Amino acid sequence: MLPTYVDSILASYYGNPGLSVAEVKTLKDFPKIKKDVEIFYNNYKNLYNSSHQFYPNQVYNIQERKSDFIQYRMFNSDGQYFTDTTQTDWTDDINLQEKYFSGSSEFPYIMKLFGSLPSLGAAWLNVMHPTPRVFYHRENLFTQYKNKSTFRIRFLIPIINNNNSYIQVNREVYKLEEGKIYFLNQGAVHAPLNKGNTLRINFVCDCLFTPELIKWMADLTNLRSVETVENHPIPESDVRDDRYHNITLKDISVVSYK
């Protein structure tokens, strides 16, 4: 039996009113996690340079190789902080129990955060500089795991915000608080916005749709909704479509990662 919020996730995925953003939990030890992130960024911010060259540890820039949005891939099976470009974030060939954050001893509170997320499959640290650019996109809400189609449940965890940083999902614009874990429907059209004068830094974590994760999330209908700040139309010409199409409720399975 699938949780009642699954229908609402699919509605938002297809651009209809539905579950786009929801507050899930408040982080414990947030000041210590934030301190770890600040040290991590100060230590590794030079791995990506202004000439857009990629270093062996693979810092990945998702903003068309512009220097305003850098993404660090942090949870993998190769023993490095960042995945090799030949590796995918999700694959049937890699048992999720073999993936880990290799900076666990150096950044114990980041590790503690990752360890608290059931069936974690991928994690990134996104660093967005102030920019007027808006990068509308959709991403895969689904993955094939052990020959079953299932959700990639995404959590957005703001670590460093400013008063003018937001997330837009479909037409709605939301302001998220530091130190909270939010469900984000990445299958809907969305875009990070940083209209402030300082960095916007957050974790993005994808988890398999397992019984352990469903229990951890509880029933999203009982969680606090996130207030919409404003509404913006989305120019279709600006949207990169990475979604799988024609997914219905009967196509979704709850899977075991063990």
C-alpha atoms as a PDB file:
ATOM      1  CA  MET A   1       0.000   0.000   0.000  1.00  0.00           C
ATOM      2  CA  LEU A   2       1.557   3.281  -1.112  1.00  0.00           C
ATOM      3  CA  PRO A   3       1.384   6.350   1.148  1.00  0.00           C
ATOM      4  CA  THR A   4      -1.442   8.771   0.373  1.00  0.00           C
ATOM      5  CA  TYR A   5       0.952  11.525  -0.719  1.00  0.00           C
ATOM      6  CA  VAL A   6       2.178   9.556  -3.760  1.00  0.00           C
ATOM      7  CA  ASP A   7      -0.792  10.724  -5.868  1.00  0.00           C
ATOM      8  CA  SER A   8       0.027  14.314  -4.976  1.00  0.00           C
ATOM      9  CA  ILE A   9       3.704  13.881  -5.925  1.00  0.00           C
ATOM     10  CA  LEU A  10       2.677  12.557  -9.335  1.00  0.00           C
ATOM     11  CA  ALA A  11       0.250  15.451  -9.835  1.00  0.00           C
ATOM     12  CA  SER A  12       3.022  17.988  -9.252  1.00  0.00           C
ATOM     13  CA  TYR A  13       5.330  15.961 -11.507  1.00  0.00           C
ATOM     14  CA  TYR A  14       2.903  16.507 -14.370  1.00  0.00           C
ATOM     15  CA  GLY A  15       2.622  20.251 -13.661  1.00  0.00           C
ATOM     16  CA  ASN A  16      -0.684  20.118 -11.805  1.00  0.00           C
ATOM     17  CA  PRO A  17      -1.430  21.271  -8.239  1.00  0.00           C
ATOM     18  CA  GLY A  18       0.161  18.762  -5.911  1.00  0.00           C
ATOM     19  CA  LEU A  19       3.004  18.069  -3.528  1.00  0.00           C
ATOM     20  CA  SER A  20       6.017  20.133  -4.600  1.00  0.00           C
ATOM     21  CA  VAL A  21       7.722  21.178  -1.350  1.00  0.00           C
ATOM     22  CA  ALA A  22       7.128  20.045   2.228  1.00  0.00           C
ATOM     23  CA  GLU A  23       8.973  20.499   5.491  1.00  0.00           C
ATOM     24  CA  VAL A  24       9.994  17.096   6.838  1.00  0.00           C
ATOM     25  CA  LYS A  25      12.224  17.614   9.873  1.00  0.00           C
ATOM     26  CA  THR A  26      14.411  20.079  11.776  1.00  0.00           C
ATOM     27  CA  LEU A  27      18.094  19.171  11.865  1.00  0.00           C
ATOM     28  CA  LYS A  28      19.666  18.222  15.145  1.00  0.00           C
ATOM     29  CA  ASP A  29      23.209  19.535  15.649  1.00  0.00           C
ATOM     30  CA  PHE A  30      22.644  22.110  12.908  1.00  0.00           C
ATOM     31  CA  PRO A  31      25.315  24.598  14.138  1.00  0.00           C
ATOM     32  CA  LYS A  32      27.905  21.786  14.042  1.00  0.00           C
ATOM     33  CA  ILE A  33      26.771  20.629  10.593  1.00  0.00           C
ATOM     34  CA  LYS A  34      26.986  24.215   9.336  1.00  0.00           C
ATOM     35  CA  LYS A  35      30.499  24.555  10.752  1.00  0.00           C
ATOM     36  CA  ASP A  36      31.568  21.345   8.977  1.00  0.00           C
ATOM     37  CA  VAL A  37      30.158  22.687   5.709  1.00  0.00           C
ATOM     38  CA  GLU A  38      31.965  26.008   6.097  1.00  0.00           C
ATOM     39  CA  ILE A  39      35.274  24.212   6.694  1.00  0.00           C
ATOM     40  CA  PHE A  40      34.618  21.830   3.799  1.00  0.00           C
ATOM     41  CA  TYR A  41      33.936  24.667   1.379  1.00  0.00           C
ATOM     42  CA  ASN A  42      36.945  26.689   2.529  1.00  0.00           C
ATOM     43  CA  ASN A  43      39.170  23.627   2.113  1.00  0.00           C
ATOM     44  CA  TYR A  44      37.884  22.552  -1.298  1.00  0.00           C
ATOM     45  CA  LYS A  45      36.513  25.630  -3.052  1.00  0.00           C
ATOM     46  CA  ASN A  46      39.623  25.861  -5.249  1.00  0.00           C
ATOM     47  CA  LEU A  47      39.131  22.415  -6.779  1.00  0.00           C
ATOM     48  CA  TYR A  48      37.164  24.107  -9.526  1.00  0.00           C
ATOM     49  CA  ASN A  49      38.995  26.961 -11.209  1.00  0.00           C
ATOM     50  CA  SER A  50      37.966  29.948 -13.258  1.00  0.00           C
ATOM     51  CA  SER A  51      39.142  28.453 -16.537  1.00  0.00           C
ATOM     52  CA  HIS A  52      36.507  25.706 -16.161  1.00  0.00           C
ATOM     53  CA  GLN A  53      39.027  22.869 -15.932  1.00  0.00           C
ATOM     54  CA  PHE A  54      37.993  19.703 -14.129  1.00  0.00           C
ATOM     55  CA  TYR A  55      40.357  18.371 -11.477  1.00  0.00           C
ATOM     56  CA  PRO A  56      40.883  14.650 -10.779  1.00  0.00           C
ATOM     57  CA  ASN A  57      38.461  14.697  -7.851  1.00  0.00           C
ATOM     58  CA  GLN A  58      35.672  15.886 -10.137  1.00  0.00           C
ATOM     59  CA  VAL A  59      33.881  18.970  -8.968  1.00  0.00           C
ATOM     60  CA  TYR A  60      30.811  19.086 -11.166  1.00  0.00           C
ATOM     61  CA  ASN A  61      29.380  22.378 -12.457  1.00  0.00           C
ATOM     62  CA  ILE A  62      25.720  22.053 -13.444  1.00  0.00           C
ATOM     63  CA  GLN A  63      25.182  25.626 -14.568  1.00  0.00           C
ATOM     64  CA  GLU A  64      26.433  25.173 -18.134  1.00  0.00           C
ATOM     65  CA  ARG A  65      30.013  25.392 -16.831  1.00  0.00           C
ATOM     66  CA  LYS A  66      29.519  28.918 -15.562  1.00  0.00           C
ATOM     67  CA  SER A  67      31.171  29.721 -12.258  1.00  0.00           C
ATOM     68  CA  ASP A  68      28.002  30.774 -10.444  1.00  0.00           C
ATOM     69  CA  PHE A  69      26.751  27.308  -9.434  1.00  0.00           C
ATOM     70  CA  ILE A  70      29.114  24.524  -8.350  1.00  0.00           C
ATOM     71  CA  GLN A  71      27.974  21.063  -7.270  1.00  0.00           C
ATOM     72  CA  TYR A  72      30.170  18.746  -5.164  1.00  0.00           C
ATOM     73  CA  ARG A  73      29.264  15.073  -5.397  1.00  0.00           C
ATOM     74  CA  MET A  74      29.878  13.653  -1.949  1.00  0.00           C
ATOM     75  CA  PHE A  75      28.410  10.158  -1.615  1.00  0.00           C
ATOM     76  CA  ASN A  76      29.899   7.409  -3.773  1.00  0.00           C
ATOM     77  CA  SER A  77      31.692   4.069  -3.827  1.00  0.00           C
ATOM     78  CA  ASP A  78      35.111   5.046  -5.151  1.00  0.00           C
ATOM     79  CA  GLY A  79      36.660   6.409  -1.950  1.00  0.00           C
ATOM     80  CA  GLN A  80      36.921   9.985  -3.220  1.00  0.00           C
ATOM     81  CA  TYR A  81      34.896  12.975  -2.205  1.00  0.00           C
ATOM     82  CA  PHE A  82      33.644  13.369  -5.763  1.00  0.00           C
ATOM     83  CA  THR A  83      32.603  10.696  -8.249  1.00  0.00           C
ATOM     84  CA  ASP A  84      34.465   9.886 -11.403  1.00  0.00           C
ATOM     85  CA  THR A  85      32.682  11.075 -14.542  1.00  0.00           C
ATOM     86  CA  THR A  86      32.319   7.475 -15.719  1.00  0.00           C
ATOM     87  CA  GLN A  87      30.217   6.602 -12.672  1.00  0.00           C
ATOM     88  CA  THR A  88      26.507   7.221 -12.476  1.00  0.00           C
ATOM     89  CA  ASP A  89      24.816   8.315  -9.275  1.00  0.00           C
ATOM     90  CA  TRP A  90      22.351   5.427  -9.437  1.00  0.00           C
ATOM     91  CA  THR A  91      23.023   1.988 -10.888  1.00  0.00           C
ATOM     92  CA  ASP A  92      21.878  -1.573 -10.340  1.00  0.00           C
ATOM     93  CA  ASP A  93      25.541  -2.558 -10.283  1.00  0.00           C
ATOM     94  CA  ILE A  94      26.377  -0.665  -7.094  1.00  0.00           C
ATOM     95  CA  ASN A  95      24.842  -1.780  -3.822  1.00  0.00           C
ATOM     96  CA  LEU A  96      23.830   1.335  -1.920  1.00  0.00           C
ATOM     97  CA  GLN A  97      25.429  -0.115   1.192  1.00  0.00           C
ATOM     98  CA  GLU A  98      28.790   0.182  -0.587  1.00  0.00           C
ATOM     99  CA  LYS A  99      28.423   3.940  -1.098  1.00  0.00           C
ATOM    100  CA  TYR A 100      29.809   6.264   1.532  1.00  0.00           C
ATOM    101  CA  PHE A 101      31.155   9.715   2.314  1.00  0.00           C
ATOM    102  CA  SER A 102      34.909   9.384   2.588  1.00  0.00           C
ATOM    103  CA  GLY A 103      35.259  12.552   4.681  1.00  0.00           C
ATOM    104  CA  SER A 104      33.561  10.978   7.689  1.00  0.00           C
ATOM    105  CA  SER A 105      36.494  11.465  10.055  1.00  0.00           C
ATOM    106  CA  GLU A 106      37.257  14.975   8.814  1.00  0.00           C
ATOM    107  CA  PHE A 107      33.640  16.144   8.825  1.00  0.00           C
ATOM    108  CA  PRO A 108      31.819  13.992  11.388  1.00  0.00           C
ATOM    109  CA  TYR A 109      28.616  16.037  11.505  1.00  0.00           C
ATOM    110  CA  ILE A 110      28.159  15.912   7.737  1.00  0.00           C
ATOM    111  CA  MET A 111      28.602  12.148   8.052  1.00  0.00           C
ATOM    112  CA  LYS A 112      26.076  12.058  10.876  1.00  0.00           C
ATOM    113  CA  LEU A 113      23.563  13.856   8.658  1.00  0.00           C
ATOM    114  CA  PHE A 114      24.096  11.419   5.786  1.00  0.00           C
ATOM    115  CA  GLY A 115      23.811   8.505   8.177  1.00  0.00           C
ATOM    116  CA  SER A 116      20.436   9.754   9.399  1.00  0.00           C
ATOM    117  CA  LEU A 117      18.829   9.546   5.932  1.00  0.00           C
ATOM    118  CA  PRO A 118      17.413   6.060   5.264  1.00  0.00           C
ATOM    119  CA  SER A 119      18.457   4.376   1.981  1.00  0.00           C
ATOM    120  CA  LEU A 120      20.559   7.342   0.861  1.00  0.00           C
ATOM    121  CA  GLY A 121      21.645   6.845  -2.743  1.00  0.00           C
ATOM    122  CA  ALA A 122      23.262  10.139  -3.729  1.00  0.00           C
ATOM    123  CA  ALA A 123      24.255  13.403  -2.053  1.00  0.00           C
ATOM    124  CA  TRP A 124      25.585  16.696  -3.327  1.00  0.00           C
ATOM    125  CA  LEU A 125      26.638  20.001  -1.841  1.00  0.00           C
ATOM    126  CA  ASN A 126      25.420  22.874  -4.035  1.00  0.00           C
ATOM    127  CA  VAL A 127      27.126  26.261  -3.812  1.00  0.00           C
ATOM    128  CA  MET A 128      25.306  29.046  -5.644  1.00  0.00           C
ATOM    129  CA  HIS A 129      26.849  32.484  -5.987  1.00  0.00           C
ATOM    130  CA  PRO A 130      24.659  35.580  -6.362  1.00  0.00           C
ATOM    131  CA  THR A 131      23.333  35.553  -9.913  1.00  0.00           C
ATOM    132  CA  PRO A 132      20.391  36.947 -11.886  1.00  0.00           C
ATOM    133  CA  ARG A 133      20.277  33.731 -13.924  1.00  0.00           C
ATOM    134  CA  VAL A 134      17.383  31.319 -13.476  1.00  0.00           C
ATOM    135  CA  PHE A 135      18.080  27.715 -14.416  1.00  0.00           C
ATOM    136  CA  TYR A 136      14.699  26.024 -14.927  1.00  0.00           C
ATOM    137  CA  HIS A 137      14.937  22.267 -15.231  1.00  0.00           C
ATOM    138  CA  ARG A 138      13.297  18.933 -14.492  1.00  0.00           C
ATOM    139  CA  GLU A 139      15.096  15.852 -13.238  1.00  0.00           C
ATOM    140  CA  ASN A 140      14.277  12.190 -12.983  1.00  0.00           C
ATOM    141  CA  LEU A 141      11.821  11.536 -10.187  1.00  0.00           C
ATOM    142  CA  PHE A 142      12.170   7.807 -10.816  1.00  0.00           C
ATOM    143  CA  THR A 143      14.927   5.245 -10.978  1.00  0.00           C
ATOM    144  CA  GLN A 144      15.197   1.589 -11.877  1.00  0.00           C
ATOM    145  CA  TYR A 145      16.499  -0.405  -8.930  1.00  0.00           C
ATOM    146  CA  LYS A 146      16.706  -4.184  -8.902  1.00  0.00           C
ATOM    147  CA  ASN A 147      14.433  -4.285 -11.974  1.00  0.00           C
ATOM    148  CA  LYS A 148      11.723  -2.207 -10.335  1.00  0.00           C
ATOM    149  CA  SER A 149      10.626   1.355 -11.025  1.00  0.00           C
ATOM    150  CA  THR A 150      10.648   3.448  -7.868  1.00  0.00           C
ATOM    151  CA  PHE A 151      10.868   7.009  -6.616  1.00  0.00           C
ATOM    152  CA  ARG A 152      14.086   8.910  -6.062  1.00  0.00           C
ATOM    153  CA  ILE A 153      12.862  10.891  -3.082  1.00  0.00           C
ATOM    154  CA  ARG A 154      14.784  14.159  -2.889  1.00  0.00           C
ATOM    155  CA  PHE A 155      15.525  16.240   0.178  1.00  0.00           C
ATOM    156  CA  LEU A 156      16.799  19.800   0.062  1.00  0.00           C
ATOM    157  CA  ILE A 157      18.671  20.913   3.189  1.00  0.00           C
ATOM    158  CA  PRO A 158      19.550  24.646   3.343  1.00  0.00           C
ATOM    159  CA  ILE A 159      22.792  25.259   5.221  1.00  0.00           C
ATOM    160  CA  ILE A 160      23.632  28.885   4.347  1.00  0.00           C
ATOM    161  CA  ASN A 161      20.902  31.165   3.043  1.00  0.00           C
ATOM    162  CA  ASN A 162      20.291  34.867   2.658  1.00  0.00           C
ATOM    163  CA  ASN A 163      17.092  36.915   2.686  1.00  0.00           C
ATOM    164  CA  ASN A 164      16.868  36.801  -1.093  1.00  0.00           C
ATOM    165  CA  SER A 165      17.470  33.136  -1.884  1.00  0.00           C
ATOM    166  CA  TYR A 166      14.542  30.957  -2.942  1.00  0.00           C
ATOM    167  CA  ILE A 167      13.470  27.803  -4.731  1.00  0.00           C
ATOM    168  CA  GLN A 168      10.843  27.895  -7.465  1.00  0.00           C
ATOM    169  CA  VAL A 169       8.797  24.744  -8.180  1.00  0.00           C
ATOM    170  CA  ASN A 170       6.338  24.942 -11.059  1.00  0.00           C
ATOM    171  CA  ARG A 171       4.948  28.488 -10.727  1.00  0.00           C
ATOM    172  CA  GLU A 172       5.364  28.790  -6.953  1.00  0.00           C
ATOM    173  CA  VAL A 173       8.362  30.433  -5.267  1.00  0.00           C
ATOM    174  CA  TYR A 174       9.318  29.284  -1.753  1.00  0.00           C
ATOM    175  CA  LYS A 175      11.675  30.631   0.882  1.00  0.00           C
ATOM    176  CA  LEU A 176      13.257  27.825   2.895  1.00  0.00           C
ATOM    177  CA  GLU A 177      14.847  28.055   6.332  1.00  0.00           C
ATOM    178  CA  GLU A 178      18.370  27.031   7.271  1.00  0.00           C
ATOM    179  CA  GLY A 179      18.627  23.867   9.322  1.00  0.00           C
ATOM    180  CA  LYS A 180      15.465  22.152   8.072  1.00  0.00           C
ATOM    181  CA  ILE A 181      14.996  19.140   5.812  1.00  0.00           C
ATOM    182  CA  TYR A 182      12.511  19.648   2.979  1.00  0.00           C
ATOM    183  CA  PHE A 183      11.004  17.240   0.500  1.00  0.00           C
ATOM    184  CA  LEU A 184      11.515  18.612  -3.027  1.00  0.00           C
ATOM    185  CA  ASN A 185       9.710  17.226  -6.056  1.00  0.00           C
ATOM    186  CA  GLN A 186      12.584  17.334  -8.544  1.00  0.00           C
ATOM    187  CA  GLY A 187      10.357  15.874 -11.271  1.00  0.00           C
ATOM    188  CA  ALA A 188       8.449  19.164 -11.387  1.00  0.00           C
ATOM    189  CA  VAL A 189       9.952  22.191 -13.121  1.00  0.00           C
ATOM    190  CA  HIS A 190      12.180  23.896 -10.564  1.00  0.00           C
ATOM    191  CA  ALA A 191      14.953  26.443 -10.240  1.00  0.00           C
ATOM    192  CA  PRO A 192      17.216  27.717  -7.450  1.00  0.00           C
ATOM    193  CA  LEU A 193      17.244  31.490  -7.108  1.00  0.00           C
ATOM    194  CA  ASN A 194      19.899  33.597  -5.394  1.00  0.00           C
ATOM    195  CA  LYS A 195      19.137  37.284  -5.682  1.00  0.00           C
ATOM    196  CA  GLY A 196      21.159  38.140  -2.579  1.00  0.00           C
ATOM    197  CA  ASN A 197      24.748  39.257  -2.135  1.00  0.00           C
ATOM    198  CA  THR A 198      26.111  36.140  -0.418  1.00  0.00           C
ATOM    199  CA  LEU A 199      26.433  32.416  -1.099  1.00  0.00           C
ATOM    200  CA  ARG A 200      23.495  30.015  -1.046  1.00  0.00           C
ATOM    201  CA  ILE A 201      24.725  26.579   0.104  1.00  0.00           C
ATOM    202  CA  ASN A 202      22.576  23.504   0.535  1.00  0.00           C
ATOM    203  CA  PHE A 203      22.675  19.728   0.485  1.00  0.00           C
ATOM    204  CA  VAL A 204      20.648  17.788  -2.058  1.00  0.00           C
ATOM    205  CA  CYS A 205      20.091  14.171  -1.041  1.00  0.00           C
ATOM    206  CA  ASP A 206      18.263  11.452  -2.999  1.00  0.00           C
ATOM    207  CA  CYS A 207      16.934   8.361  -1.247  1.00  0.00           C
ATOM    208  CA  LEU A 208      15.353   5.168  -2.517  1.00  0.00           C
ATOM    209  CA  PHE A 209      11.650   4.724  -1.794  1.00  0.00           C
ATOM    210  CA  THR A 210      12.001   2.017   0.851  1.00  0.00           C
ATOM    211  CA  PRO A 211       9.867   1.023   3.858  1.00  0.00           C
ATOM    212  CA  GLU A 212      12.526   2.593   6.105  1.00  0.00           C
ATOM    213  CA  LEU A 213      12.273   5.904   4.267  1.00  0.00           C
ATOM    214  CA  ILE A 214       8.457   5.891   4.316  1.00  0.00           C
ATOM    215  CA  LYS A 215       8.522   5.370   8.075  1.00  0.00           C
ATOM    216  CA  TRP A 216      11.090   8.154   8.525  1.00  0.00           C
ATOM    217  CA  MET A 217       9.040  10.581   6.450  1.00  0.00           C
ATOM    218  CA  ALA A 218       5.840   9.661   8.289  1.00  0.00           C
ATOM    219  CA  ASP A 219       2.710  10.991   6.574  1.00  0.00           C
ATOM    220  CA  LEU A 220       3.492  14.161   4.633  1.00  0.00           C
ATOM    221  CA  THR A 221      -0.135  15.245   4.935  1.00  0.00           C
ATOM    222  CA  ASN A 222       0.569  15.893   8.623  1.00  0.00           C
ATOM    223  CA  LEU A 223       3.623  18.053   7.991  1.00  0.00           C
ATOM    224  CA  ARG A 224       3.788  21.814   7.767  1.00  0.00           C
ATOM    225  CA  SER A 225       3.284  23.164   4.293  1.00  0.00           C
ATOM    226  CA  VAL A 226       5.744  25.751   3.042  1.00  0.00           C
ATOM    227  CA  GLU A 227       4.334  29.197   2.386  1.00  0.00           C
ATOM    228  CA  THR A 228       4.457  30.429  -1.198  1.00  0.00           C
ATOM    229  CA  VAL A 229       6.320  33.741  -1.458  1.00  0.00           C
ATOM    230  CA  GLU A 230       5.206  34.664  -4.983  1.00  0.00           C
ATOM    231  CA  ASN A 231       4.286  33.191  -8.359  1.00  0.00           C
ATOM    232  CA  HIS A 232       6.225  33.298 -11.618  1.00  0.00           C
ATOM    233  CA  PRO A 233       5.376  31.934 -15.053  1.00  0.00           C
ATOM    234  CA  ILE A 234       7.872  29.480 -16.538  1.00  0.00           C
ATOM    235  CA  PRO A 235       9.024  30.044 -20.118  1.00  0.00           C
ATOM    236  CA  GLU A 236       8.889  26.593 -21.698  1.00  0.00           C
ATOM    237  CA  SER A 237      11.844  27.428 -23.918  1.00  0.00           C
ATOM    238  CA  ASP A 238      14.003  27.654 -20.782  1.00  0.00           C
ATOM    239  CA  VAL A 239      13.088  24.228 -19.398  1.00  0.00           C
ATOM    240  CA  ARG A 240      15.421  21.274 -19.881  1.00  0.00           C
ATOM    241  CA  ASP A 241      13.338  18.119 -19.719  1.00  0.00           C
ATOM    242  CA  ASP A 242      15.179  15.219 -18.058  1.00  0.00           C
ATOM    243  CA  ARG A 243      12.087  13.397 -16.878  1.00  0.00           C
ATOM    244  CA  TYR A 244      10.840   9.941 -17.589  1.00  0.00           C
ATOM    245  CA  HIS A 245       7.362  10.277 -19.063  1.00  0.00           C
ATOM    246  CA  ASN A 246       4.057   8.428 -18.692  1.00  0.00           C
ATOM    247  CA  ILE A 247       4.642   7.130 -15.164  1.00  0.00           C
ATOM    248  CA  THR A 248       1.472   6.164 -13.311  1.00  0.00           C
ATOM    249  CA  LEU A 249       0.683   4.990  -9.803  1.00  0.00           C
ATOM    250  CA  LYS A 250       0.774   1.329 -10.831  1.00  0.00           C
ATOM    251  CA  ASP A 251       4.365   1.747 -12.033  1.00  0.00           C
ATOM    252  CA  ILE A 252       5.726   2.694  -8.585  1.00  0.00           C
ATOM    253  CA  SER A 253       7.198   0.099  -6.248  1.00  0.00           C
ATOM    254  CA  VAL A 254       8.497   0.289  -2.708  1.00  0.00           C
ATOM    255  CA  VAL A 255      11.913  -1.388  -2.883  1.00  0.00           C
ATOM    256  CA  SER A 256      14.444  -2.870  -0.509  1.00  0.00           C
ATOM    257  CA  TYR A 257      18.043  -1.698  -0.749  1.00  0.00           C
ATOM    258  CA  LYS A 258      19.429  -4.543   1.363  1.00  0.00           C
END
